[in-house]
Amino acid sequence: MTTITSQNLVDMFLAIAGAIEEKKDHLSELDGVIGDADHGVTMHIGFSAVKNALTGLDTGESDPATVFNTAAKSFLNAVGASSGPLYATAFMRAGAAAKGKGDLDRDAMIEVFGAMAKGIQDRGKAERGDKTMVDAWAPAAEAIAEAAERGAPLAECFDAAAKAAEEGAEATKAMRASKGRASRLGERSLGHMDPGAASTALIVGVMAKSLAAA
């Protein structure tokens, strides 16, 4: 069974930061249609802060919970927009789920992922169908749990989550926004992908690739 170490988690966060940097303009363009046009920049600032904080972390002395809690604190301190508290909560919930564990086995890592998704939903008070990042996080959490119940290995579980997140993000095009700035557009929000769901699909996809290589 694959076990995920603190170093694996740091490598995962660094990979996410790199992917967000590469796609930040695209994410901001998506946000420009139905929001403030700053989602890519905001996420880049947040994950750059996470990258800087984790680069200086001694993974030999830090458990997985410390990695997640460090990510949470650095993201929140760097980002004042709505994404800040959402991802800080996700990472703090992940840290709580990983507390007391030296390494994370398949089931522990899947529990961590579910905690992240639940944290975002709880903090944002959004439901599926509201055209938010929950429309990608929630199906991803369901898919990873279902794959685990089938006895799938960790890499396959995360592949299922990544596919579900991507499909969830795509599905937001057909939704009318009912949360945030986009909700003011009414019917005009139809036909456009939610930027938060798009960045979620990117993040979950990178997690799948990074952890598969661990």
C-alpha atoms as a PDB file:
ATOM      1  CA  MET A   1       0.000   0.000   0.000  1.00  0.00           C
ATOM      2  CA  THR A   2       1.292   3.439  -0.904  1.00  0.00           C
ATOM      3  CA  THR A   3       2.161   5.700   1.990  1.00  0.00           C
ATOM      4  CA  ILE A   4       2.388   9.457   1.651  1.00  0.00           C
ATOM      5  CA  THR A   5       5.136  11.199   3.582  1.00  0.00           C
ATOM      6  CA  SER A   6       5.511  14.820   4.599  1.00  0.00           C
ATOM      7  CA  GLN A   7       7.982  15.293   1.754  1.00  0.00           C
ATOM      8  CA  ASN A   8       5.445  13.862  -0.705  1.00  0.00           C
ATOM      9  CA  LEU A   9       2.912  16.426   0.525  1.00  0.00           C
ATOM     10  CA  VAL A  10       5.383  19.283   0.194  1.00  0.00           C
ATOM     11  CA  ASP A  11       6.205  18.148  -3.347  1.00  0.00           C
ATOM     12  CA  MET A  12       2.457  18.056  -4.058  1.00  0.00           C
ATOM     13  CA  PHE A  13       1.961  21.635  -2.878  1.00  0.00           C
ATOM     14  CA  LEU A  14       4.947  22.833  -4.897  1.00  0.00           C
ATOM     15  CA  ALA A  15       3.496  21.148  -7.993  1.00  0.00           C
ATOM     16  CA  ILE A  16       0.138  22.841  -7.367  1.00  0.00           C
ATOM     17  CA  ALA A  17       1.860  26.217  -7.010  1.00  0.00           C
ATOM     18  CA  GLY A  18       3.622  25.675 -10.326  1.00  0.00           C
ATOM     19  CA  ALA A  19       0.424  24.689 -12.108  1.00  0.00           C
ATOM     20  CA  ILE A  20      -1.469  27.684 -10.729  1.00  0.00           C
ATOM     21  CA  GLU A  21       1.307  30.018 -11.843  1.00  0.00           C
ATOM     22  CA  GLU A  22       1.154  28.556 -15.337  1.00  0.00           C
ATOM     23  CA  LYS A  23      -2.645  28.898 -15.561  1.00  0.00           C
ATOM     24  CA  LYS A  24      -3.172  32.100 -13.568  1.00  0.00           C
ATOM     25  CA  ASP A  25      -3.969  34.234 -16.624  1.00  0.00           C
ATOM     26  CA  HIS A  26      -6.486  31.703 -17.908  1.00  0.00           C
ATOM     27  CA  LEU A  27      -8.183  31.518 -14.503  1.00  0.00           C
ATOM     28  CA  SER A  28      -8.393  35.303 -14.315  1.00  0.00           C
ATOM     29  CA  GLU A  29      -9.850  35.405 -17.825  1.00  0.00           C
ATOM     30  CA  LEU A  30     -12.585  32.985 -16.735  1.00  0.00           C
ATOM     31  CA  ASP A  31     -13.221  35.184 -13.716  1.00  0.00           C
ATOM     32  CA  GLY A  32     -13.326  38.283 -15.870  1.00  0.00           C
ATOM     33  CA  VAL A  33     -16.496  37.069 -17.545  1.00  0.00           C
ATOM     34  CA  ILE A  34     -18.520  36.554 -14.366  1.00  0.00           C
ATOM     35  CA  GLY A  35     -16.420  37.996 -11.536  1.00  0.00           C
ATOM     36  CA  ASP A  36     -13.612  40.372 -10.612  1.00  0.00           C
ATOM     37  CA  ALA A  37     -11.027  38.984 -13.063  1.00  0.00           C
ATOM     38  CA  ASP A  38      -8.595  38.287 -10.223  1.00  0.00           C
ATOM     39  CA  HIS A  39      -9.089  34.623  -9.349  1.00  0.00           C
ATOM     40  CA  GLY A  40      -5.909  33.468 -11.048  1.00  0.00           C
ATOM     41  CA  VAL A  41      -3.844  36.201  -9.428  1.00  0.00           C
ATOM     42  CA  THR A  42      -5.376  35.504  -6.025  1.00  0.00           C
ATOM     43  CA  MET A  43      -4.724  31.779  -6.222  1.00  0.00           C
ATOM     44  CA  HIS A  44      -1.189  32.445  -7.431  1.00  0.00           C
ATOM     45  CA  ILE A  45      -0.508  34.716  -4.464  1.00  0.00           C
ATOM     46  CA  GLY A  46      -1.913  32.125  -2.066  1.00  0.00           C
ATOM     47  CA  PHE A  47      -0.030  29.129  -3.393  1.00  0.00           C
ATOM     48  CA  SER A  48       3.168  31.130  -3.831  1.00  0.00           C
ATOM     49  CA  ALA A  49       2.977  31.875  -0.112  1.00  0.00           C
ATOM     50  CA  VAL A  50       2.408  28.185   0.578  1.00  0.00           C
ATOM     51  CA  LYS A  51       5.401  27.313  -1.603  1.00  0.00           C
ATOM     52  CA  ASN A  52       7.645  29.766   0.238  1.00  0.00           C
ATOM     53  CA  ALA A  53       6.529  28.521   3.647  1.00  0.00           C
ATOM     54  CA  LEU A  54       6.920  24.846   2.809  1.00  0.00           C
ATOM     55  CA  THR A  55      10.258  25.261   1.047  1.00  0.00           C
ATOM     56  CA  GLY A  56      11.755  26.174   4.398  1.00  0.00           C
ATOM     57  CA  LEU A  57      10.078  23.345   6.293  1.00  0.00           C
ATOM     58  CA  ASP A  58      12.199  20.490   7.648  1.00  0.00           C
ATOM     59  CA  THR A  59      10.163  17.516   6.473  1.00  0.00           C
ATOM     60  CA  GLY A  60      12.305  15.184   8.530  1.00  0.00           C
ATOM     61  CA  GLU A  61      10.982  16.869  11.668  1.00  0.00           C
ATOM     62  CA  SER A  62       7.474  17.727  10.432  1.00  0.00           C
ATOM     63  CA  ASP A  63       4.512  15.356  10.227  1.00  0.00           C
ATOM     64  CA  PRO A  64       1.781  15.600   7.565  1.00  0.00           C
ATOM     65  CA  ALA A  65      -0.454  17.616   9.895  1.00  0.00           C
ATOM     66  CA  THR A  66       2.279  20.249  10.192  1.00  0.00           C
ATOM     67  CA  VAL A  67       2.565  20.461   6.410  1.00  0.00           C
ATOM     68  CA  PHE A  68      -1.164  21.085   6.030  1.00  0.00           C
ATOM     69  CA  ASN A  69      -1.318  23.541   8.940  1.00  0.00           C
ATOM     70  CA  THR A  70       1.645  25.479   7.552  1.00  0.00           C
ATOM     71  CA  ALA A  71      -0.105  25.641   4.177  1.00  0.00           C
ATOM     72  CA  ALA A  72      -3.305  26.849   5.834  1.00  0.00           C
ATOM     73  CA  LYS A  73      -1.627  29.641   7.778  1.00  0.00           C
ATOM     74  CA  SER A  74       0.461  30.885   4.865  1.00  0.00           C
ATOM     75  CA  PHE A  75      -2.456  30.862   2.414  1.00  0.00           C
ATOM     76  CA  LEU A  76      -4.733  32.762   4.800  1.00  0.00           C
ATOM     77  CA  ASN A  77      -2.078  35.341   5.627  1.00  0.00           C
ATOM     78  CA  ALA A  78      -1.457  35.981   1.933  1.00  0.00           C
ATOM     79  CA  VAL A  79      -5.020  36.033   0.601  1.00  0.00           C
ATOM     80  CA  GLY A  80      -7.748  38.246   1.971  1.00  0.00           C
ATOM     81  CA  ALA A  81     -10.296  37.402  -0.711  1.00  0.00           C
ATOM     82  CA  SER A  82     -12.893  34.651  -0.299  1.00  0.00           C
ATOM     83  CA  SER A  83     -10.457  31.998  -1.514  1.00  0.00           C
ATOM     84  CA  GLY A  84      -8.220  32.633   1.503  1.00  0.00           C
ATOM     85  CA  PRO A  85     -10.579  31.422   4.237  1.00  0.00           C
ATOM     86  CA  LEU A  86     -11.895  28.636   1.992  1.00  0.00           C
ATOM     87  CA  TYR A  87      -8.531  27.046   1.306  1.00  0.00           C
ATOM     88  CA  ALA A  88      -7.219  27.793   4.783  1.00  0.00           C
ATOM     89  CA  THR A  89     -10.186  25.880   6.186  1.00  0.00           C
ATOM     90  CA  ALA A  90      -9.602  23.042   3.737  1.00  0.00           C
ATOM     91  CA  PHE A  91      -5.965  22.692   4.764  1.00  0.00           C
ATOM     92  CA  MET A  92      -6.746  23.024   8.474  1.00  0.00           C
ATOM     93  CA  ARG A  93      -9.360  20.272   8.196  1.00  0.00           C
ATOM     94  CA  ALA A  94      -6.785  18.166   6.352  1.00  0.00           C
ATOM     95  CA  GLY A  95      -4.322  18.788   9.165  1.00  0.00           C
ATOM     96  CA  ALA A  96      -6.891  17.698  11.726  1.00  0.00           C
ATOM     97  CA  ALA A  97      -7.592  14.516   9.761  1.00  0.00           C
ATOM     98  CA  ALA A  98      -3.859  13.773   9.576  1.00  0.00           C
ATOM     99  CA  LYS A  99      -3.130  14.608  13.216  1.00  0.00           C
ATOM    100  CA  GLY A 100      -0.968  12.074  15.004  1.00  0.00           C
ATOM    101  CA  LYS A 101       0.028  10.217  11.835  1.00  0.00           C
ATOM    102  CA  GLY A 102       3.653   9.952  10.737  1.00  0.00           C
ATOM    103  CA  ASP A 103       2.805   8.882   7.189  1.00  0.00           C
ATOM    104  CA  LEU A 104      -0.550   8.652   5.455  1.00  0.00           C
ATOM    105  CA  ASP A 105      -1.717   5.326   4.064  1.00  0.00           C
ATOM    106  CA  ARG A 106      -4.374   5.107   1.352  1.00  0.00           C
ATOM    107  CA  ASP A 107      -7.338   5.368   3.698  1.00  0.00           C
ATOM    108  CA  ALA A 108      -5.813   8.248   5.677  1.00  0.00           C
ATOM    109  CA  MET A 109      -5.043  10.209   2.519  1.00  0.00           C
ATOM    110  CA  ILE A 110      -8.570   9.702   1.246  1.00  0.00           C
ATOM    111  CA  GLU A 111      -9.918  10.876   4.607  1.00  0.00           C
ATOM    112  CA  VAL A 112      -7.724  13.956   4.297  1.00  0.00           C
ATOM    113  CA  PHE A 113      -9.101  14.705   0.846  1.00  0.00           C
ATOM    114  CA  GLY A 114     -12.679  14.342   2.052  1.00  0.00           C
ATOM    115  CA  ALA A 115     -11.932  16.688   4.952  1.00  0.00           C
ATOM    116  CA  MET A 116     -10.631  19.317   2.542  1.00  0.00           C
ATOM    117  CA  ALA A 117     -13.760  19.145   0.403  1.00  0.00           C
ATOM    118  CA  LYS A 118     -16.056  19.273   3.439  1.00  0.00           C
ATOM    119  CA  GLY A 119     -14.118  22.215   4.862  1.00  0.00           C
ATOM    120  CA  ILE A 120     -14.599  24.238   1.697  1.00  0.00           C
ATOM    121  CA  GLN A 121     -18.295  23.442   1.572  1.00  0.00           C
ATOM    122  CA  ASP A 122     -18.817  24.249   5.253  1.00  0.00           C
ATOM    123  CA  ARG A 123     -16.898  27.510   5.119  1.00  0.00           C
ATOM    124  CA  GLY A 124     -18.455  28.709   1.882  1.00  0.00           C
ATOM    125  CA  LYS A 125     -21.953  27.534   2.757  1.00  0.00           C
ATOM    126  CA  ALA A 126     -22.465  26.569  -0.880  1.00  0.00           C
ATOM    127  CA  GLU A 127     -24.318  23.585  -2.278  1.00  0.00           C
ATOM    128  CA  ARG A 128     -23.864  21.693  -5.507  1.00  0.00           C
ATOM    129  CA  GLY A 129     -25.569  23.574  -8.293  1.00  0.00           C
ATOM    130  CA  ASP A 130     -24.670  27.022  -6.926  1.00  0.00           C
ATOM    131  CA  LYS A 131     -21.936  27.393  -9.599  1.00  0.00           C
ATOM    132  CA  THR A 132     -18.977  27.504  -7.221  1.00  0.00           C
ATOM    133  CA  MET A 133     -15.852  25.443  -6.547  1.00  0.00           C
ATOM    134  CA  VAL A 134     -18.073  23.075  -4.535  1.00  0.00           C
ATOM    135  CA  ASP A 135     -19.404  21.807  -7.864  1.00  0.00           C
ATOM    136  CA  ALA A 136     -15.943  20.363  -8.493  1.00  0.00           C
ATOM    137  CA  TRP A 137     -14.859  19.536  -4.927  1.00  0.00           C
ATOM    138  CA  ALA A 138     -18.012  17.653  -3.929  1.00  0.00           C
ATOM    139  CA  PRO A 139     -18.089  15.195  -6.861  1.00  0.00           C
ATOM    140  CA  ALA A 140     -14.338  14.687  -6.489  1.00  0.00           C
ATOM    141  CA  ALA A 141     -14.794  13.734  -2.826  1.00  0.00           C
ATOM    142  CA  GLU A 142     -17.637  11.380  -3.734  1.00  0.00           C
ATOM    143  CA  ALA A 143     -15.628   9.764  -6.514  1.00  0.00           C
ATOM    144  CA  ILE A 144     -12.563   9.176  -4.367  1.00  0.00           C
ATOM    145  CA  ALA A 145     -14.670   7.623  -1.614  1.00  0.00           C
ATOM    146  CA  GLU A 146     -16.458   5.351  -4.074  1.00  0.00           C
ATOM    147  CA  ALA A 147     -13.159   4.230  -5.599  1.00  0.00           C
ATOM    148  CA  ALA A 148     -11.819   3.478  -2.127  1.00  0.00           C
ATOM    149  CA  GLU A 149     -14.884   1.386  -1.329  1.00  0.00           C
ATOM    150  CA  ARG A 150     -14.125  -0.690  -4.424  1.00  0.00           C
ATOM    151  CA  GLY A 151     -10.669  -1.325  -3.042  1.00  0.00           C
ATOM    152  CA  ALA A 152      -8.883   0.715  -5.684  1.00  0.00           C
ATOM    153  CA  PRO A 153      -5.252   1.731  -5.010  1.00  0.00           C
ATOM    154  CA  LEU A 154      -4.486   5.319  -4.063  1.00  0.00           C
ATOM    155  CA  ALA A 155      -3.448   6.414  -7.562  1.00  0.00           C
ATOM    156  CA  GLU A 156      -6.680   5.080  -9.055  1.00  0.00           C
ATOM    157  CA  CYS A 157      -8.719   6.752  -6.324  1.00  0.00           C
ATOM    158  CA  PHE A 158      -7.145  10.117  -7.097  1.00  0.00           C
ATOM    159  CA  ASP A 159      -7.569   9.596 -10.828  1.00  0.00           C
ATOM    160  CA  ALA A 160     -11.302   9.141 -10.175  1.00  0.00           C
ATOM    161  CA  ALA A 161     -11.343  12.323  -8.105  1.00  0.00           C
ATOM    162  CA  ALA A 162      -9.544  14.283 -10.821  1.00  0.00           C
ATOM    163  CA  LYS A 163     -11.945  13.105 -13.507  1.00  0.00           C
ATOM    164  CA  ALA A 164     -14.962  13.973 -11.351  1.00  0.00           C
ATOM    165  CA  ALA A 165     -13.562  17.427 -10.560  1.00  0.00           C
ATOM    166  CA  GLU A 166     -13.001  18.120 -14.248  1.00  0.00           C
ATOM    167  CA  GLU A 167     -16.516  16.973 -15.130  1.00  0.00           C
ATOM    168  CA  GLY A 168     -17.906  19.035 -12.268  1.00  0.00           C
ATOM    169  CA  ALA A 169     -16.136  22.154 -13.477  1.00  0.00           C
ATOM    170  CA  GLU A 170     -17.423  21.596 -16.998  1.00  0.00           C
ATOM    171  CA  ALA A 171     -20.956  21.194 -15.661  1.00  0.00           C
ATOM    172  CA  THR A 172     -20.888  24.692 -14.135  1.00  0.00           C
ATOM    173  CA  LYS A 173     -21.242  26.131 -17.625  1.00  0.00           C
ATOM    174  CA  ALA A 174     -24.894  25.076 -17.589  1.00  0.00           C
ATOM    175  CA  MET A 175     -25.540  26.534 -14.133  1.00  0.00           C
ATOM    176  CA  ARG A 176     -26.892  29.907 -13.112  1.00  0.00           C
ATOM    177  CA  ALA A 177     -24.754  31.464 -10.397  1.00  0.00           C
ATOM    178  CA  SER A 178     -26.429  31.934  -7.023  1.00  0.00           C
ATOM    179  CA  LYS A 179     -23.394  32.885  -4.937  1.00  0.00           C
ATOM    180  CA  GLY A 180     -20.943  35.774  -5.007  1.00  0.00           C
ATOM    181  CA  ARG A 181     -20.513  38.487  -7.605  1.00  0.00           C
ATOM    182  CA  ALA A 182     -21.533  36.177 -10.439  1.00  0.00           C
ATOM    183  CA  SER A 183     -25.027  35.837  -8.951  1.00  0.00           C
ATOM    184  CA  ARG A 184     -25.760  39.435  -9.967  1.00  0.00           C
ATOM    185  CA  LEU A 185     -25.544  38.435 -13.611  1.00  0.00           C
ATOM    186  CA  GLY A 186     -28.530  36.108 -13.432  1.00  0.00           C
ATOM    187  CA  GLU A 187     -29.057  34.347 -16.749  1.00  0.00           C
ATOM    188  CA  ARG A 188     -25.918  35.972 -18.162  1.00  0.00           C
ATOM    189  CA  SER A 189     -23.806  33.679 -15.979  1.00  0.00           C
ATOM    190  CA  LEU A 190     -24.995  30.725 -18.061  1.00  0.00           C
ATOM    191  CA  GLY A 191     -22.541  29.275 -20.553  1.00  0.00           C
ATOM    192  CA  HIS A 192     -19.440  30.202 -18.557  1.00  0.00           C
ATOM    193  CA  MET A 193     -17.309  27.932 -16.378  1.00  0.00           C
ATOM    194  CA  ASP A 194     -16.957  28.953 -12.760  1.00  0.00           C
ATOM    195  CA  PRO A 195     -13.319  29.974 -12.192  1.00  0.00           C
ATOM    196  CA  GLY A 196     -13.234  28.434  -8.709  1.00  0.00           C
ATOM    197  CA  ALA A 197     -14.394  25.116 -10.121  1.00  0.00           C
ATOM    198  CA  ALA A 198     -11.786  25.422 -12.873  1.00  0.00           C
ATOM    199  CA  SER A 199      -8.967  25.969 -10.382  1.00  0.00           C
ATOM    200  CA  THR A 200     -10.303  23.077  -8.303  1.00  0.00           C
ATOM    201  CA  ALA A 201     -10.102  20.741 -11.290  1.00  0.00           C
ATOM    202  CA  LEU A 202      -6.535  21.926 -11.875  1.00  0.00           C
ATOM    203  CA  ILE A 203      -5.552  21.387  -8.226  1.00  0.00           C
ATOM    204  CA  VAL A 204      -7.118  17.929  -7.943  1.00  0.00           C
ATOM    205  CA  GLY A 205      -5.539  16.915 -11.237  1.00  0.00           C
ATOM    206  CA  VAL A 206      -2.103  17.944  -9.997  1.00  0.00           C
ATOM    207  CA  MET A 207      -2.684  16.136  -6.706  1.00  0.00           C
ATOM    208  CA  ALA A 208      -3.490  12.959  -8.641  1.00  0.00           C
ATOM    209  CA  LYS A 209      -0.329  13.173 -10.740  1.00  0.00           C
ATOM    210  CA  SER A 210       1.906  14.124  -7.835  1.00  0.00           C
ATOM    211  CA  LEU A 211       0.678  11.440  -5.441  1.00  0.00           C
ATOM    212  CA  ALA A 212       0.714   8.778  -8.155  1.00  0.00           C
ATOM    213  CA  ALA A 213       4.428   9.397  -8.520  1.00  0.00           C
ATOM    214  CA  ALA A 214       5.047   9.243  -4.756  1.00  0.00           C
END
